[in-house]
Amino acid sequence: MFDIEWLRPGAIVGSLVYALIGVLVFWVSFVVIDKITPYNLWLEIVEKRNVALGLVVAAMALGVSIIVAAAIH
């Protein structure tokens, strides 16, 4: 017989809540890092096309995402 524990409403709501918390923590951490840096990250990456800074921010985003996922799991 198939095990459909993950299909229960409580499990779905819990997953959605943890996903929203993870996105919120990620967004707050990005804003904090943006405020700590001496320049505007969005301006540097999008308007000035700073590829090196884009790679650093991408690595930071992956790192924070992995930490949030491990904390939630």
PDB file of N, CA and C in Angstrom:
ATOM      1  N   MET A   1       0.840  -1.180   0.000  1.00  0.00           N
ATOM      2  CA  MET A   1       0.000   0.000   0.000  1.00  0.00           C
ATOM      3  C   MET A   1       0.887   1.246   0.000  1.00  0.00           C
ATOM      4  N   PHE A   2       0.421   2.289  -0.637  1.00  0.00           N
ATOM      5  CA  PHE A   2       1.178   3.519  -0.753  1.00  0.00           C
ATOM      6  C   PHE A   2       1.114   4.333   0.536  1.00  0.00           C
ATOM      7  N   ASP A   3       2.242   4.904   0.881  1.00  0.00           N
ATOM      8  CA  ASP A   3       2.315   5.747   2.069  1.00  0.00           C
ATOM      9  C   ASP A   3       2.152   7.200   1.634  1.00  0.00           C
ATOM     10  N   ILE A   4       1.039   7.815   1.977  1.00  0.00           N
ATOM     11  CA  ILE A   4       0.781   9.196   1.550  1.00  0.00           C
ATOM     12  C   ILE A   4       0.716  10.144   2.744  1.00  0.00           C
ATOM     13  N   GLU A   5       1.637   9.961   3.679  1.00  0.00           N
ATOM     14  CA  GLU A   5       1.701  10.851   4.833  1.00  0.00           C
ATOM     15  C   GLU A   5       1.963  12.294   4.418  1.00  0.00           C
ATOM     16  N   TRP A   6       2.746  12.498   3.361  1.00  0.00           N
ATOM     17  CA  TRP A   6       3.107  13.836   2.934  1.00  0.00           C
ATOM     18  C   TRP A   6       1.923  14.569   2.314  1.00  0.00           C
ATOM     19  N   LEU A   7       0.823  13.863   2.041  1.00  0.00           N
ATOM     20  CA  LEU A   7      -0.346  14.465   1.407  1.00  0.00           C
ATOM     21  C   LEU A   7      -1.349  15.008   2.430  1.00  0.00           C
ATOM     22  N   ARG A   8      -1.080  14.800   3.713  1.00  0.00           N
ATOM     23  CA  ARG A   8      -1.971  15.311   4.750  1.00  0.00           C
ATOM     24  C   ARG A   8      -1.937  16.835   4.772  1.00  0.00           C
ATOM     25  N   PRO A   9      -3.070  17.476   5.092  1.00  0.00           N
ATOM     26  CA  PRO A   9      -3.095  18.950   5.127  1.00  0.00           C
ATOM     27  C   PRO A   9      -2.090  19.549   6.103  1.00  0.00           C
ATOM     28  N   GLY A  10      -1.864  18.898   7.232  1.00  0.00           N
ATOM     29  CA  GLY A  10      -0.890  19.419   8.198  1.00  0.00           C
ATOM     30  C   GLY A  10       0.521  19.446   7.639  1.00  0.00           C
ATOM     31  N   ALA A  11       0.876  18.428   6.893  1.00  0.00           N
ATOM     32  CA  ALA A  11       2.213  18.379   6.294  1.00  0.00           C
ATOM     33  C   ALA A  11       2.365  19.436   5.208  1.00  0.00           C
ATOM     34  N   ILE A  12       1.322  19.656   4.435  1.00  0.00           N
ATOM     35  CA  ILE A  12       1.378  20.664   3.360  1.00  0.00           C
ATOM     36  C   ILE A  12       1.471  22.064   3.956  1.00  0.00           C
ATOM     37  N   VAL A  13       0.661  22.339   4.972  1.00  0.00           N
ATOM     38  CA  VAL A  13       0.707  23.660   5.612  1.00  0.00           C
ATOM     39  C   VAL A  13       2.057  23.877   6.292  1.00  0.00           C
ATOM     40  N   GLY A  14       2.575  22.857   6.944  1.00  0.00           N
ATOM     41  CA  GLY A  14       3.889  22.979   7.573  1.00  0.00           C
ATOM     42  C   GLY A  14       4.982  23.260   6.565  1.00  0.00           C
ATOM     43  N   SER A  15       4.927  22.588   5.431  1.00  0.00           N
ATOM     44  CA  SER A  15       5.920  22.824   4.376  1.00  0.00           C
ATOM     45  C   SER A  15       5.826  24.244   3.847  1.00  0.00           C
ATOM     46  N   LEU A  16       4.616  24.737   3.650  1.00  0.00           N
ATOM     47  CA  LEU A  16       4.443  26.101   3.153  1.00  0.00           C
ATOM     48  C   LEU A  16       4.931  27.133   4.171  1.00  0.00           C
ATOM     49  N   VAL A  17       4.654  26.902   5.440  1.00  0.00           N
ATOM     50  CA  VAL A  17       5.113  27.831   6.484  1.00  0.00           C
ATOM     51  C   VAL A  17       6.631  27.859   6.553  1.00  0.00           C
ATOM     52  N   TYR A  18       7.258  26.682   6.534  1.00  0.00           N
ATOM     53  CA  TYR A  18       8.718  26.637   6.580  1.00  0.00           C
ATOM     54  C   TYR A  18       9.333  27.251   5.321  1.00  0.00           C
ATOM     55  N   ALA A  19       8.696  27.066   4.172  1.00  0.00           N
ATOM     56  CA  ALA A  19       9.201  27.687   2.946  1.00  0.00           C
ATOM     57  C   ALA A  19       9.122  29.205   3.041  1.00  0.00           C
ATOM     58  N   LEU A  20       8.025  29.725   3.548  1.00  0.00           N
ATOM     59  CA  LEU A  20       7.895  31.175   3.704  1.00  0.00           C
ATOM     60  C   LEU A  20       8.897  31.725   4.714  1.00  0.00           C
ATOM     61  N   ILE A  21       9.109  30.998   5.804  1.00  0.00           N
ATOM     62  CA  ILE A  21      10.106  31.425   6.786  1.00  0.00           C
ATOM     63  C   ILE A  21      11.499  31.427   6.158  1.00  0.00           C
ATOM     64  N   GLY A  22      11.812  30.406   5.361  1.00  0.00           N
ATOM     65  CA  GLY A  22      13.110  30.341   4.696  1.00  0.00           C
ATOM     66  C   GLY A  22      13.324  31.495   3.735  1.00  0.00           C
ATOM     67  N   VAL A  23      12.294  31.822   2.952  1.00  0.00           N
ATOM     68  CA  VAL A  23      12.401  32.941   2.015  1.00  0.00           C
ATOM     69  C   VAL A  23      12.552  34.252   2.769  1.00  0.00           C
ATOM     70  N   LEU A  24      11.828  34.409   3.865  1.00  0.00           N
ATOM     71  CA  LEU A  24      11.926  35.625   4.662  1.00  0.00           C
ATOM     72  C   LEU A  24      13.317  35.778   5.273  1.00  0.00           C
ATOM     73  N   VAL A  25      13.853  34.706   5.821  1.00  0.00           N
ATOM     74  CA  VAL A  25      15.202  34.761   6.406  1.00  0.00           C
ATOM     75  C   VAL A  25      16.236  35.063   5.324  1.00  0.00           C
ATOM     76  N   PHE A  26      16.080  34.464   4.146  1.00  0.00           N
ATOM     77  CA  PHE A  26      17.003  34.735   3.046  1.00  0.00           C
ATOM     78  C   PHE A  26      16.936  36.195   2.629  1.00  0.00           C
ATOM     79  N   TRP A  27      15.730  36.745   2.511  1.00  0.00           N
ATOM     80  CA  TRP A  27      15.562  38.132   2.088  1.00  0.00           C
ATOM     81  C   TRP A  27      16.171  39.083   3.115  1.00  0.00           C
ATOM     82  N   VAL A  28      15.909  38.828   4.393  1.00  0.00           N
ATOM     83  CA  VAL A  28      16.461  39.686   5.451  1.00  0.00           C
ATOM     84  C   VAL A  28      17.984  39.625   5.448  1.00  0.00           C
ATOM     85  N   SER A  29      18.549  38.438   5.266  1.00  0.00           N
ATOM     86  CA  SER A  29      20.013  38.328   5.246  1.00  0.00           C
ATOM     87  C   SER A  29      20.600  39.060   4.044  1.00  0.00           C
ATOM     88  N   PHE A  30      19.927  39.022   2.906  1.00  0.00           N
ATOM     89  CA  PHE A  30      20.421  39.754   1.736  1.00  0.00           C
ATOM     90  C   PHE A  30      20.376  41.257   1.984  1.00  0.00           C
ATOM     91  N   VAL A  31      19.305  41.743   2.584  1.00  0.00           N
ATOM     92  CA  VAL A  31      19.192  43.177   2.877  1.00  0.00           C
ATOM     93  C   VAL A  31      20.274  43.601   3.870  1.00  0.00           C
ATOM     94  N   VAL A  32      20.534  42.780   4.884  1.00  0.00           N
ATOM     95  CA  VAL A  32      21.571  43.110   5.863  1.00  0.00           C
ATOM     96  C   VAL A  32      22.940  43.153   5.184  1.00  0.00           C
ATOM     97  N   ILE A  33      23.232  42.181   4.353  1.00  0.00           N
ATOM     98  CA  ILE A  33      24.521  42.168   3.663  1.00  0.00           C
ATOM     99  C   ILE A  33      24.626  43.347   2.705  1.00  0.00           C
ATOM    100  N   ASP A  34      23.510  43.716   2.064  1.00  0.00           N
ATOM    101  CA  ASP A  34      23.510  44.876   1.170  1.00  0.00           C
ATOM    102  C   ASP A  34      23.800  46.154   1.950  1.00  0.00           C
ATOM    103  N   LYS A  35      23.285  46.258   3.167  1.00  0.00           N
ATOM    104  CA  LYS A  35      23.527  47.449   3.980  1.00  0.00           C
ATOM    105  C   LYS A  35      24.951  47.482   4.534  1.00  0.00           C
ATOM    106  N   ILE A  36      25.547  46.308   4.784  1.00  0.00           N
ATOM    107  CA  ILE A  36      26.896  46.245   5.335  1.00  0.00           C
ATOM    108  C   ILE A  36      27.946  46.647   4.295  1.00  0.00           C
ATOM    109  N   THR A  37      27.721  46.256   3.049  1.00  0.00           N
ATOM    110  CA  THR A  37      28.706  46.552   2.005  1.00  0.00           C
ATOM    111  C   THR A  37      28.757  48.056   1.738  1.00  0.00           C
ATOM    112  N   PRO A  38      29.911  48.564   1.325  1.00  0.00           N
ATOM    113  CA  PRO A  38      30.049  50.012   1.130  1.00  0.00           C
ATOM    114  C   PRO A  38      29.408  50.533  -0.154  1.00  0.00           C
ATOM    115  N   TYR A  39      28.821  49.685  -0.961  1.00  0.00           N
ATOM    116  CA  TYR A  39      28.184  50.124  -2.204  1.00  0.00           C
ATOM    117  C   TYR A  39      26.852  49.410  -2.370  1.00  0.00           C
ATOM    118  N   ASN A  40      26.054  49.880  -3.298  1.00  0.00           N
ATOM    119  CA  ASN A  40      24.746  49.304  -3.558  1.00  0.00           C
ATOM    120  C   ASN A  40      24.912  48.076  -4.452  1.00  0.00           C
ATOM    121  N   LEU A  41      24.595  46.902  -3.938  1.00  0.00           N
ATOM    122  CA  LEU A  41      24.791  45.664  -4.694  1.00  0.00           C
ATOM    123  C   LEU A  41      23.967  45.652  -5.980  1.00  0.00           C
ATOM    124  N   TRP A  42      22.711  46.054  -5.883  1.00  0.00           N
ATOM    125  CA  TRP A  42      21.837  46.017  -7.064  1.00  0.00           C
ATOM    126  C   TRP A  42      22.364  46.938  -8.165  1.00  0.00           C
ATOM    127  N   LEU A  43      22.787  48.129  -7.807  1.00  0.00           N
ATOM    128  CA  LEU A  43      23.330  49.074  -8.778  1.00  0.00           C
ATOM    129  C   LEU A  43      24.590  48.523  -9.434  1.00  0.00           C
ATOM    130  N   GLU A  44      25.471  47.952  -8.633  1.00  0.00           N
ATOM    131  CA  GLU A  44      26.722  47.409  -9.165  1.00  0.00           C
ATOM    132  C   GLU A  44      26.478  46.226 -10.103  1.00  0.00           C
ATOM    133  N   ILE A  45      25.572  45.333  -9.729  1.00  0.00           N
ATOM    134  CA  ILE A  45      25.366  44.120 -10.515  1.00  0.00           C
ATOM    135  C   ILE A  45      24.547  44.393 -11.770  1.00  0.00           C
ATOM    136  N   VAL A  46      23.452  45.130 -11.638  1.00  0.00           N
ATOM    137  CA  VAL A  46      22.535  45.303 -12.758  1.00  0.00           C
ATOM    138  C   VAL A  46      22.957  46.427 -13.688  1.00  0.00           C
ATOM    139  N   GLU A  47      23.229  47.583 -13.132  1.00  0.00           N
ATOM    140  CA  GLU A  47      23.509  48.730 -13.994  1.00  0.00           C
ATOM    141  C   GLU A  47      24.964  48.810 -14.455  1.00  0.00           C
ATOM    142  N   LYS A  48      25.897  48.478 -13.573  1.00  0.00           N
ATOM    143  CA  LYS A  48      27.306  48.554 -13.937  1.00  0.00           C
ATOM    144  C   LYS A  48      27.851  47.227 -14.466  1.00  0.00           C
ATOM    145  N   ARG A  49      27.028  46.178 -14.448  1.00  0.00           N
ATOM    146  CA  ARG A  49      27.390  44.857 -14.983  1.00  0.00           C
ATOM    147  C   ARG A  49      28.673  44.290 -14.356  1.00  0.00           C
ATOM    148  N   ASN A  50      28.765  44.357 -13.042  1.00  0.00           N
ATOM    149  CA  ASN A  50      29.927  43.848 -12.323  1.00  0.00           C
ATOM    150  C   ASN A  50      29.755  42.334 -12.137  1.00  0.00           C
ATOM    151  N   VAL A  51      30.362  41.569 -13.032  1.00  0.00           N
ATOM    152  CA  VAL A  51      30.198  40.112 -13.034  1.00  0.00           C
ATOM    153  C   VAL A  51      30.848  39.483 -11.810  1.00  0.00           C
ATOM    154  N   ALA A  52      32.002  39.976 -11.410  1.00  0.00           N
ATOM    155  CA  ALA A  52      32.684  39.417 -10.245  1.00  0.00           C
ATOM    156  C   ALA A  52      31.835  39.570  -8.981  1.00  0.00           C
ATOM    157  N   LEU A  53      31.247  40.731  -8.806  1.00  0.00           N
ATOM    158  CA  LEU A  53      30.387  40.942  -7.653  1.00  0.00           C
ATOM    159  C   LEU A  53      29.125  40.083  -7.760  1.00  0.00           C
ATOM    160  N   GLY A  54      28.627  39.893  -8.968  1.00  0.00           N
ATOM    161  CA  GLY A  54      27.481  39.018  -9.166  1.00  0.00           C
ATOM    162  C   GLY A  54      27.774  37.590  -8.740  1.00  0.00           C
ATOM    163  N   LEU A  55      28.969  37.108  -9.043  1.00  0.00           N
ATOM    164  CA  LEU A  55      29.353  35.758  -8.626  1.00  0.00           C
ATOM    165  C   LEU A  55      29.495  35.660  -7.100  1.00  0.00           C
ATOM    166  N   VAL A  56      30.023  36.698  -6.487  1.00  0.00           N
ATOM    167  CA  VAL A  56      30.150  36.701  -5.029  1.00  0.00           C
ATOM    168  C   VAL A  56      28.772  36.697  -4.380  1.00  0.00           C
ATOM    169  N   VAL A  57      27.857  37.495  -4.889  1.00  0.00           N
ATOM    170  CA  VAL A  57      26.501  37.543  -4.340  1.00  0.00           C
ATOM    171  C   VAL A  57      25.779  36.219  -4.588  1.00  0.00           C
ATOM    172  N   ALA A  58      26.005  35.596  -5.735  1.00  0.00           N
ATOM    173  CA  ALA A  58      25.397  34.291  -6.013  1.00  0.00           C
ATOM    174  C   ALA A  58      25.915  33.231  -5.038  1.00  0.00           C
ATOM    175  N   ALA A  59      27.207  33.245  -4.762  1.00  0.00           N
ATOM    176  CA  ALA A  59      27.771  32.300  -3.798  1.00  0.00           C
ATOM    177  C   ALA A  59      27.219  32.562  -2.402  1.00  0.00           C
ATOM    178  N   MET A  60      27.073  33.835  -2.046  1.00  0.00           N
ATOM    179  CA  MET A  60      26.482  34.185  -0.756  1.00  0.00           C
ATOM    180  C   MET A  60      25.042  33.702  -0.682  1.00  0.00           C
ATOM    181  N   ALA A  61      24.303  33.870  -1.755  1.00  0.00           N
ATOM    182  CA  ALA A  61      22.905  33.440  -1.784  1.00  0.00           C
ATOM    183  C   ALA A  61      22.796  31.922  -1.618  1.00  0.00           C
ATOM    184  N   LEU A  62      23.650  31.185  -2.286  1.00  0.00           N
ATOM    185  CA  LEU A  62      23.645  29.731  -2.129  1.00  0.00           C
ATOM    186  C   LEU A  62      24.025  29.317  -0.713  1.00  0.00           C
ATOM    187  N   GLY A  63      25.009  29.981  -0.154  1.00  0.00           N
ATOM    188  CA  GLY A  63      25.420  29.666   1.212  1.00  0.00           C
ATOM    189  C   GLY A  63      24.315  29.922   2.226  1.00  0.00           C
ATOM    190  N   VAL A  64      23.666  31.066   2.122  1.00  0.00           N
ATOM    191  CA  VAL A  64      22.571  31.382   3.038  1.00  0.00           C
ATOM    192  C   VAL A  64      21.406  30.418   2.829  1.00  0.00           C
ATOM    193  N   SER A  65      21.129  30.078   1.586  1.00  0.00           N
ATOM    194  CA  SER A  65      20.040  29.139   1.290  1.00  0.00           C
ATOM    195  C   SER A  65      20.318  27.763   1.894  1.00  0.00           C
ATOM    196  N   ILE A  66      21.544  27.299   1.797  1.00  0.00           N
ATOM    197  CA  ILE A  66      21.897  25.997   2.376  1.00  0.00           C
ATOM    198  C   ILE A  66      21.784  26.033   3.898  1.00  0.00           C
ATOM    199  N   ILE A  67      22.217  27.133   4.511  1.00  0.00           N
ATOM    200  CA  ILE A  67      22.113  27.249   5.956  1.00  0.00           C
ATOM    201  C   ILE A  67      20.656  27.278   6.401  1.00  0.00           C
ATOM    202  N   VAL A  68      19.814  28.027   5.698  1.00  0.00           N
ATOM    203  CA  VAL A  68      18.392  28.102   6.039  1.00  0.00           C
ATOM    204  C   VAL A  68      17.735  26.728   5.859  1.00  0.00           C
ATOM    205  N   ALA A  69      18.060  26.044   4.766  1.00  0.00           N
ATOM    206  CA  ALA A  69      17.468  24.734   4.523  1.00  0.00           C
ATOM    207  C   ALA A  69      17.891  23.724   5.600  1.00  0.00           C
ATOM    208  N   ALA A  70      19.152  23.784   6.007  1.00  0.00           N
ATOM    209  CA  ALA A  70      19.620  22.862   7.042  1.00  0.00           C
ATOM    210  C   ALA A  70      18.978  23.203   8.392  1.00  0.00           C
ATOM    211  N   ALA A  71      18.769  24.473   8.670  1.00  0.00           N
ATOM    212  CA  ALA A  71      18.149  24.846   9.938  1.00  0.00           C
ATOM    213  C   ALA A  71      16.680  24.441   9.982  1.00  0.00           C
ATOM    214  N   ILE A  72      16.005  24.535   8.856  1.00  0.00           N
ATOM    215  CA  ILE A  72      14.592  24.163   8.811  1.00  0.00           C
ATOM    216  C   ILE A  72      14.418  22.655   8.820  1.00  0.00           C
ATOM    217  N   HIS A  73      15.329  21.978   8.185  1.00  0.00           N
ATOM    218  CA  HIS A  73      15.207  20.516   8.078  1.00  0.00           C
ATOM    219  C   HIS A  73      15.438  19.911   9.430  1.00  0.00           C
TER     220      HIS A  73
END
